[in-house]
PDB file of N, CA and C in Angstrom:
ATOM      1  N   UNK A   1       7.002  58.471-112.519  1.00  0.00           N
ATOM      2  CA  UNK A   1       7.530  59.798-112.661  1.00  0.00           C
ATOM      3  C   UNK A   1       7.980  60.279-111.294  1.00  0.00           C
ATOM      4  N   UNK A   2       9.139  60.920-111.222  1.00  0.00           N
ATOM      5  CA  UNK A   2       9.687  61.414-109.967  1.00  0.00           C
ATOM      6  C   UNK A   2       9.089  62.762-109.618  1.00  0.00           C
ATOM      7  N   UNK A   3       8.983  62.988-108.315  1.00  0.00           N
ATOM      8  CA  UNK A   3       8.436  64.232-107.796  1.00  0.00           C
ATOM      9  C   UNK A   3       9.320  64.702-106.652  1.00  0.00           C
ATOM     10  N   UNK A   4       9.605  66.000-106.610  1.00  0.00           N
ATOM     11  CA  UNK A   4      10.355  66.553-105.487  1.00  0.00           C
ATOM     12  C   UNK A   4       9.398  66.756-104.326  1.00  0.00           C
ATOM     13  N   UNK A   5       9.812  66.322-103.126  1.00  0.00           N
ATOM     14  CA  UNK A   5       8.972  66.434-101.935  1.00  0.00           C
ATOM     15  C   UNK A   5       9.701  67.283-100.910  1.00  0.00           C
ATOM     16  N   UNK A   6       9.043  68.320-100.413  1.00  0.00           N
ATOM     17  CA  UNK A   6       9.616  69.182 -99.388  1.00  0.00           C
ATOM     18  C   UNK A   6       9.308  68.580 -98.023  1.00  0.00           C
ATOM     19  N   UNK A   7      10.337  68.248 -97.267  1.00  0.00           N
ATOM     20  CA  UNK A   7      10.205  67.643 -95.948  1.00  0.00           C
ATOM     21  C   UNK A   7      10.322  68.720 -94.863  1.00  0.00           C
ATOM     22  N   UNK A   8       9.840  68.430 -93.656  1.00  0.00           N
ATOM     23  CA  UNK A   8      10.005  69.372 -92.547  1.00  0.00           C
ATOM     24  C   UNK A   8      11.485  69.689 -92.330  1.00  0.00           C
ATOM     25  N   UNK A   9      11.765  70.914 -91.990  1.00  0.00           N
ATOM     26  CA  UNK A   9      13.151  71.325 -91.782  1.00  0.00           C
ATOM     27  C   UNK A   9      13.828  71.749 -93.064  1.00  0.00           C
ATOM     28  N   UNK A  10      13.063  71.872 -94.154  1.00  0.00           N
ATOM     29  CA  UNK A  10      13.618  72.345 -95.417  1.00  0.00           C
ATOM     30  C   UNK A  10      14.318  71.285 -96.247  1.00  0.00           C
ATOM     31  N   UNK A  11      14.238  70.015 -95.809  1.00  0.00           N
ATOM     32  CA  UNK A  11      14.867  68.954 -96.607  1.00  0.00           C
ATOM     33  C   UNK A  11      14.030  68.658 -97.841  1.00  0.00           C
ATOM     34  N   UNK A  12      14.697  68.318 -98.901  1.00  0.00           N
ATOM     35  CA  UNK A  12      14.015  67.963-100.154  1.00  0.00           C
ATOM     36  C   UNK A  12      14.399  66.532-100.490  1.00  0.00           C
ATOM     37  N   UNK A  13      13.404  65.730-100.836  1.00  0.00           N
ATOM     38  CA  UNK A  13      13.682  64.355-101.247  1.00  0.00           C
ATOM     39  C   UNK A  13      12.990  64.083-102.571  1.00  0.00           C
ATOM     40  N   UNK A  14      13.451  63.041-103.201  1.00  0.00           N
ATOM     41  CA  UNK A  14      12.897  62.640-104.484  1.00  0.00           C
ATOM     42  C   UNK A  14      11.912  61.510-104.234  1.00  0.00           C
ATOM     43  N   UNK A  15      10.648  61.733-104.562  1.00  0.00           N
ATOM     44  CA  UNK A  15       9.614  60.714-104.391  1.00  0.00           C
ATOM     45  C   UNK A  15       9.116  60.244-105.736  1.00  0.00           C
ATOM     46  N   UNK A  16       8.260  59.271-105.711  1.00  0.00           N
ATOM     47  CA  UNK A  16       7.697  58.733-106.941  1.00  0.00           C
ATOM     48  C   UNK A  16       6.186  58.804-106.860  1.00  0.00           C
ATOM     49  N   UNK A  17       5.589  59.163-107.983  1.00  0.00           N
ATOM     50  CA  UNK A  17       4.136  59.188-108.024  1.00  0.00           C
ATOM     51  C   UNK A  17       3.627  57.757-108.078  1.00  0.00           C
ATOM     52  N   UNK A  18       2.427  57.546-107.567  1.00  0.00           N
ATOM     53  CA  UNK A  18       1.867  56.197-107.515  1.00  0.00           C
ATOM     54  C   UNK A  18       1.720  55.572-108.897  1.00  0.00           C
ATOM     55  N   UNK A  19       1.499  56.388-109.908  1.00  0.00           N
ATOM     56  CA  UNK A  19       1.294  55.832-111.242  1.00  0.00           C
ATOM     57  C   UNK A  19       2.553  55.162-111.781  1.00  0.00           C
ATOM     58  N   UNK A  20       3.734  55.533-111.286  1.00  0.00           N
ATOM     59  CA  UNK A  20       4.954  54.914-111.787  1.00  0.00           C
ATOM     60  C   UNK A  20       5.004  53.435-111.411  1.00  0.00           C
ATOM     61  N   UNK A  21       4.451  53.069-110.259  1.00  0.00           N
ATOM     62  CA  UNK A  21       4.402  51.665-109.863  1.00  0.00           C
ATOM     63  C   UNK A  21       3.518  50.857-110.784  1.00  0.00           C
ATOM     64  N   UNK A  22       2.413  51.455-111.204  1.00  0.00           N
ATOM     65  CA  UNK A  22       1.509  50.756-112.125  1.00  0.00           C
ATOM     66  C   UNK A  22       2.195  50.540-113.469  1.00  0.00           C
ATOM     67  N   UNK A  23       2.944  51.552-113.916  1.00  0.00           N
ATOM     68  CA  UNK A  23       3.656  51.421-115.190  1.00  0.00           C
ATOM     69  C   UNK A  23       4.736  50.360-115.122  1.00  0.00           C
ATOM     70  N   UNK A  24       5.429  50.315-113.992  1.00  0.00           N
ATOM     71  CA  UNK A  24       6.463  49.313-113.800  1.00  0.00           C
ATOM     72  C   UNK A  24       5.853  47.915-113.756  1.00  0.00           C
ATOM     73  N   UNK A  25       4.743  47.783-113.084  1.00  0.00           N
ATOM     74  CA  UNK A  25       4.057  46.501-112.994  1.00  0.00           C
ATOM     75  C   UNK A  25       3.618  46.029-114.382  1.00  0.00           C
ATOM     76  N   UNK A  26       3.097  46.951-115.171  1.00  0.00           N
ATOM     77  CA  UNK A  26       2.660  46.602-116.524  1.00  0.00           C
ATOM     78  C   UNK A  26       3.853  46.197-117.375  1.00  0.00           C
ATOM     79  N   UNK A  27       4.964  46.902-117.231  1.00  0.00           N
ATOM     80  CA  UNK A  27       6.153  46.563-118.008  1.00  0.00           C
ATOM     81  C   UNK A  27       6.704  45.204-117.589  1.00  0.00           C
ATOM     82  N   UNK A  28       6.631  44.885-116.304  1.00  0.00           N
ATOM     83  CA  UNK A  28       7.068  43.579-115.828  1.00  0.00           C
ATOM     84  C   UNK A  28       6.204  42.466-116.422  1.00  0.00           C
ATOM     85  N   UNK A  29       4.899  42.680-116.456  1.00  0.00           N
ATOM     86  CA  UNK A  29       4.005  41.681-117.080  1.00  0.00           C
ATOM     87  C   UNK A  29       4.334  41.514-118.553  1.00  0.00           C
ATOM     88  N   UNK A  30       4.637  42.630-119.210  1.00  0.00           N
ATOM     89  CA  UNK A  30       4.975  42.573-120.639  1.00  0.00           C
ATOM     90  C   UNK A  30       6.244  41.735-120.841  1.00  0.00           C
ATOM     91  N   UNK A  31       7.257  41.925-119.989  1.00  0.00           N
ATOM     92  CA  UNK A  31       8.495  41.136-120.108  1.00  0.00           C
ATOM     93  C   UNK A  31       8.250  39.666-119.803  1.00  0.00           C
ATOM     94  N   UNK A  32       7.406  39.395-118.820  1.00  0.00           N
ATOM     95  CA  UNK A  32       7.074  37.997-118.526  1.00  0.00           C
ATOM     96  C   UNK A  32       6.399  37.335-119.714  1.00  0.00           C
ATOM     97  N   UNK A  33       5.497  38.060-120.353  1.00  0.00           N
ATOM     98  CA  UNK A  33       4.816  37.516-121.529  1.00  0.00           C
ATOM     99  C   UNK A  33       5.812  37.304-122.669  1.00  0.00           C
ATOM    100  N   UNK A  34       6.714  38.262-122.862  1.00  0.00           N
ATOM    101  CA  UNK A  34       7.730  38.101-123.912  1.00  0.00           C
ATOM    102  C   UNK A  34       8.577  36.866-123.648  1.00  0.00           C
ATOM    103  N   UNK A  35       8.984  36.674-122.402  1.00  0.00           N
ATOM    104  CA  UNK A  35       9.821  35.535-122.069  1.00  0.00           C
ATOM    105  C   UNK A  35       9.058  34.225-122.248  1.00  0.00           C
ATOM    106  N   UNK A  36       7.779  34.211-121.882  1.00  0.00           N
ATOM    107  CA  UNK A  36       6.957  33.009-122.081  1.00  0.00           C
ATOM    108  C   UNK A  36       6.830  32.696-123.570  1.00  0.00           C
ATOM    109  N   UNK A  37       6.595  33.715-124.388  1.00  0.00           N
ATOM    110  CA  UNK A  37       6.511  33.487-125.836  1.00  0.00           C
ATOM    111  C   UNK A  37       7.829  32.961-126.378  1.00  0.00           C
ATOM    112  N   UNK A  38       8.930  33.501-125.863  1.00  0.00           N
ATOM    113  CA  UNK A  38      10.251  33.048-126.300  1.00  0.00           C
ATOM    114  C   UNK A  38      10.430  31.553-126.016  1.00  0.00           C
ATOM    115  N   UNK A  39      10.056  31.127-124.812  1.00  0.00           N
ATOM    116  CA  UNK A  39      10.162  29.707-124.449  1.00  0.00           C
ATOM    117  C   UNK A  39       9.255  28.843-125.333  1.00  0.00           C
ATOM    118  N   UNK A  40       8.039  29.330-125.585  1.00  0.00           N
ATOM    119  CA  UNK A  40       7.107  28.576-126.430  1.00  0.00           C
ATOM    120  C   UNK A  40       7.641  28.454-127.851  1.00  0.00           C
ATOM    121  N   UNK A  41       8.268  29.503-128.338  1.00  0.00           N
ATOM    122  CA  UNK A  41       8.822  29.465-129.695  1.00  0.00           C
ATOM    123  C   UNK A  41       9.990  28.499-129.782  1.00  0.00           C
ATOM    124  N   UNK A  42      10.790  28.394-128.721  1.00  0.00           N
ATOM    125  CA  UNK A  42      11.878  27.417-128.710  1.00  0.00           C
ATOM    126  C   UNK A  42      11.320  25.994-128.782  1.00  0.00           C
ATOM    127  N   UNK A  43      10.266  25.724-128.046  1.00  0.00           N
ATOM    128  CA  UNK A  43       9.631  24.399-128.088  1.00  0.00           C
ATOM    129  C   UNK A  43       9.058  24.141-129.474  1.00  0.00           C
ATOM    130  N   UNK A  44       8.417  25.128-130.041  1.00  0.00           N
ATOM    131  CA  UNK A  44       7.835  24.987-131.379  1.00  0.00           C
ATOM    132  C   UNK A  44       8.917  24.697-132.413  1.00  0.00           C
ATOM    133  N   UNK A  45      10.067  25.331-132.271  1.00  0.00           N
ATOM    134  CA  UNK A  45      11.182  25.069-133.184  1.00  0.00           C
ATOM    135  C   UNK A  45      11.585  23.593-133.106  1.00  0.00           C
ATOM    136  N   UNK A  46      11.564  23.039-131.897  1.00  0.00           N
ATOM    137  CA  UNK A  46      11.891  21.624-131.726  1.00  0.00           C
ATOM    138  C   UNK A  46      10.849  20.694-132.332  1.00  0.00           C
ATOM    139  N   UNK A  47       9.609  21.132-132.361  1.00  0.00           N
ATOM    140  CA  UNK A  47       8.526  20.317-132.942  1.00  0.00           C
ATOM    141  C   UNK A  47       8.505  20.370-134.465  1.00  0.00           C
ATOM    142  N   UNK A  48       9.163  21.350-135.045  1.00  0.00           N
ATOM    143  CA  UNK A  48       9.056  21.600-136.491  1.00  0.00           C
ATOM    144  C   UNK A  48       9.508  20.423-137.340  1.00  0.00           C
ATOM    145  N   UNK A  49      10.343  19.559-136.812  1.00  0.00           N
ATOM    146  CA  UNK A  49      10.834  18.420-137.593  1.00  0.00           C
ATOM    147  C   UNK A  49      10.023  17.152-137.397  1.00  0.00           C
ATOM    148  N   UNK A  50       8.956  17.234-136.622  1.00  0.00           N
ATOM    149  CA  UNK A  50       8.118  16.062-136.384  1.00  0.00           C
ATOM    150  C   UNK A  50       6.714  16.312-136.947  1.00  0.00           C
ATOM    151  N   UNK A  51       6.439  15.790-138.147  1.00  0.00           N
ATOM    152  CA  UNK A  51       5.147  16.060-138.794  1.00  0.00           C
ATOM    153  C   UNK A  51       3.948  15.557-137.988  1.00  0.00           C
ATOM    154  N   UNK A  52       4.133  14.497-137.216  1.00  0.00           N
ATOM    155  CA  UNK A  52       3.021  13.957-136.427  1.00  0.00           C
ATOM    156  C   UNK A  52       2.642  14.907-135.293  1.00  0.00           C
ATOM    157  N   UNK A  53       3.646  15.462-134.619  1.00  0.00           N
ATOM    158  CA  UNK A  53       3.358  16.411-133.544  1.00  0.00           C
ATOM    159  C   UNK A  53       2.746  17.695-134.095  1.00  0.00           C
ATOM    160  N   UNK A  54       3.246  18.150-135.237  1.00  0.00           N
ATOM    161  CA  UNK A  54       2.674  19.355-135.849  1.00  0.00           C
ATOM    162  C   UNK A  54       1.220  19.120-136.237  1.00  0.00           C
ATOM    163  N   UNK A  55       0.933  17.935-136.750  1.00  0.00           N
ATOM    164  CA  UNK A  55      -0.451  17.605-137.106  1.00  0.00           C
ATOM    165  C   UNK A  55      -1.338  17.587-135.860  1.00  0.00           C
ATOM    166  N   UNK A  56      -0.785  17.110-134.751  1.00  0.00           N
ATOM    167  CA  UNK A  56      -1.550  17.079-133.502  1.00  0.00           C
ATOM    168  C   UNK A  56      -1.973  18.474-133.055  1.00  0.00           C
ATOM    169  N   UNK A  57      -1.111  19.454-133.278  1.00  0.00           N
ATOM    170  CA  UNK A  57      -1.460  20.823-132.848  1.00  0.00           C
ATOM    171  C   UNK A  57      -2.030  21.662-133.983  1.00  0.00           C
ATOM    172  N   UNK A  58      -2.120  21.080-135.176  1.00  0.00           N
ATOM    173  CA  UNK A  58      -2.754  21.761-136.302  1.00  0.00           C
ATOM    174  C   UNK A  58      -1.950  22.906-136.880  1.00  0.00           C
ATOM    175  N   UNK A  59      -0.629  22.723-136.935  1.00  0.00           N
ATOM    176  CA  UNK A  59       0.254  23.766-137.457  1.00  0.00           C
ATOM    177  C   UNK A  59       1.128  23.173-138.545  1.00  0.00           C
ATOM    178  N   UNK A  60       1.307  23.903-139.630  1.00  0.00           N
ATOM    179  CA  UNK A  60       2.197  23.437-140.685  1.00  0.00           C
ATOM    180  C   UNK A  60       3.641  23.695-140.279  1.00  0.00           C
ATOM    181  N   UNK A  61       4.566  22.984-140.926  1.00  0.00           N
ATOM    182  CA  UNK A  61       5.989  23.171-140.623  1.00  0.00           C
ATOM    183  C   UNK A  61       6.408  24.603-140.926  1.00  0.00           C
ATOM    184  N   UNK A  62       5.934  25.130-142.041  1.00  0.00           N
ATOM    185  CA  UNK A  62       6.294  26.486-142.435  1.00  0.00           C
ATOM    186  C   UNK A  62       5.827  27.509-141.397  1.00  0.00           C
ATOM    187  N   UNK A  63       4.604  27.342-140.930  1.00  0.00           N
ATOM    188  CA  UNK A  63       4.054  28.268-139.926  1.00  0.00           C
ATOM    189  C   UNK A  63       4.797  28.134-138.600  1.00  0.00           C
ATOM    190  N   UNK A  64       5.156  26.903-138.239  1.00  0.00           N
ATOM    191  CA  UNK A  64       5.904  26.680-136.999  1.00  0.00           C
ATOM    192  C   UNK A  64       7.263  27.354-137.069  1.00  0.00           C
ATOM    193  N   UNK A  65       7.968  27.208-138.191  1.00  0.00           N
ATOM    194  CA  UNK A  65       9.277  27.837-138.335  1.00  0.00           C
ATOM    195  C   UNK A  65       9.171  29.363-138.401  1.00  0.00           C
ATOM    196  N   UNK A  66       8.103  29.844-139.016  1.00  0.00           N
ATOM    197  CA  UNK A  66       7.881  31.292-139.077  1.00  0.00           C
ATOM    198  C   UNK A  66       7.705  31.859-137.671  1.00  0.00           C
ATOM    199  N   UNK A  67       6.873  31.216-136.886  1.00  0.00           N
ATOM    200  CA  UNK A  67       6.630  31.681-135.512  1.00  0.00           C
ATOM    201  C   UNK A  67       7.884  31.516-134.655  1.00  0.00           C
ATOM    202  N   UNK A  68       8.569  30.396-134.806  1.00  0.00           N
ATOM    203  CA  UNK A  68       9.767  30.137-134.011  1.00  0.00           C
ATOM    204  C   UNK A  68      10.889  31.122-134.329  1.00  0.00           C
ATOM    205  N   UNK A  69      10.879  31.671-135.529  1.00  0.00           N
ATOM    206  CA  UNK A  69      11.919  32.606-135.940  1.00  0.00           C
ATOM    207  C   UNK A  69      11.709  34.026-135.463  1.00  0.00           C
ATOM    208  N   UNK A  70      10.589  34.292-134.831  1.00  0.00           N
ATOM    209  CA  UNK A  70      10.311  35.652-134.368  1.00  0.00           C
ATOM    210  C   UNK A  70      11.201  36.012-133.176  1.00  0.00           C
ATOM    211  N   UNK A  71      11.490  37.273-133.071  1.00  0.00           N
ATOM    212  CA  UNK A  71      12.296  37.796-131.973  1.00  0.00           C
ATOM    213  C   UNK A  71      11.489  37.823-130.682  1.00  0.00           C
ATOM    214  N   UNK A  72      12.185  37.830-129.565  1.00  0.00           N
ATOM    215  CA  UNK A  72      11.539  37.941-128.257  1.00  0.00           C
ATOM    216  C   UNK A  72      10.794  39.277-128.151  1.00  0.00           C
ATOM    217  N   UNK A  73      11.207  40.249-128.943  1.00  0.00           N
ATOM    218  CA  UNK A  73      10.588  41.571-128.887  1.00  0.00           C
ATOM    219  C   UNK A  73       9.358  41.689-129.787  1.00  0.00           C
ATOM    220  N   UNK A  74       9.090  40.687-130.595  1.00  0.00           N
ATOM    221  CA  UNK A  74       7.913  40.723-131.463  1.00  0.00           C
ATOM    222  C   UNK A  74       6.691  40.325-130.664  1.00  0.00           C
ATOM    223  N   UNK A  75       6.104  41.321-130.050  1.00  0.00           N
ATOM    224  CA  UNK A  75       4.921  41.118-129.231  1.00  0.00           C
ATOM    225  C   UNK A  75       4.072  42.363-129.374  1.00  0.00           C
ATOM    226  N   UNK A  76       2.929  42.219-129.987  1.00  0.00           N
ATOM    227  CA  UNK A  76       2.075  43.385-130.183  1.00  0.00           C
ATOM    228  C   UNK A  76       1.264  43.662-128.931  1.00  0.00           C
ATOM    229  N   UNK A  77       0.731  44.862-128.841  1.00  0.00           N
ATOM    230  CA  UNK A  77      -0.122  45.201-127.710  1.00  0.00           C
ATOM    231  C   UNK A  77      -1.362  44.304-127.677  1.00  0.00           C
ATOM    232  N   UNK A  78      -1.811  43.852-128.845  1.00  0.00           N
ATOM    233  CA  UNK A  78      -2.977  42.960-128.886  1.00  0.00           C
ATOM    234  C   UNK A  78      -2.664  41.671-128.133  1.00  0.00           C
ATOM    235  N   UNK A  79      -1.453  41.136-128.290  1.00  0.00           N
ATOM    236  CA  UNK A  79      -1.050  39.944-127.542  1.00  0.00           C
ATOM    237  C   UNK A  79      -1.043  40.246-126.053  1.00  0.00           C
ATOM    238  N   UNK A  80      -0.500  41.391-125.699  1.00  0.00           N
ATOM    239  CA  UNK A  80      -0.363  41.755-124.291  1.00  0.00           C
ATOM    240  C   UNK A  80      -1.724  41.929-123.633  1.00  0.00           C
ATOM    241  N   UNK A  81      -2.621  42.669-124.267  1.00  0.00           N
ATOM    242  CA  UNK A  81      -3.918  42.948-123.653  1.00  0.00           C
ATOM    243  C   UNK A  81      -4.803  41.709-123.603  1.00  0.00           C
ATOM    244  N   UNK A  82      -4.642  40.809-124.543  1.00  0.00           N
ATOM    245  CA  UNK A  82      -5.475  39.609-124.518  1.00  0.00           C
ATOM    246  C   UNK A  82      -5.037  38.649-123.408  1.00  0.00           C
ATOM    247  N   UNK A  83      -3.829  38.842-122.884  1.00  0.00           N
ATOM    248  CA  UNK A  83      -3.329  37.921-121.861  1.00  0.00           C
ATOM    249  C   UNK A  83      -3.641  38.411-120.440  1.00  0.00           C
ATOM    250  N   UNK A  84      -4.126  39.616-120.285  1.00  0.00           N
ATOM    251  CA  UNK A  84      -4.371  40.147-118.947  1.00  0.00           C
ATOM    252  C   UNK A  84      -5.658  39.655-118.356  1.00  0.00           C
TER     253      UNK A  84
END
């Protein structure tokens, strides 16, 4: 959040509260997690046609395709908080 700061000599500048950095940092972590999930889903999509690899990771083809079809924005707060 921006804050107006009165400087010596009557100058006014626009400053930022410390909490805005924490919010930005959290949002950056959220985007990194989204991007990591996106990459993992692309790999999973590639595995969907190999029944032996799917069996190795214990995932059905249907479940793999369901997960791979999710948007990069499909990330719940539960996913985010469990990764911190």
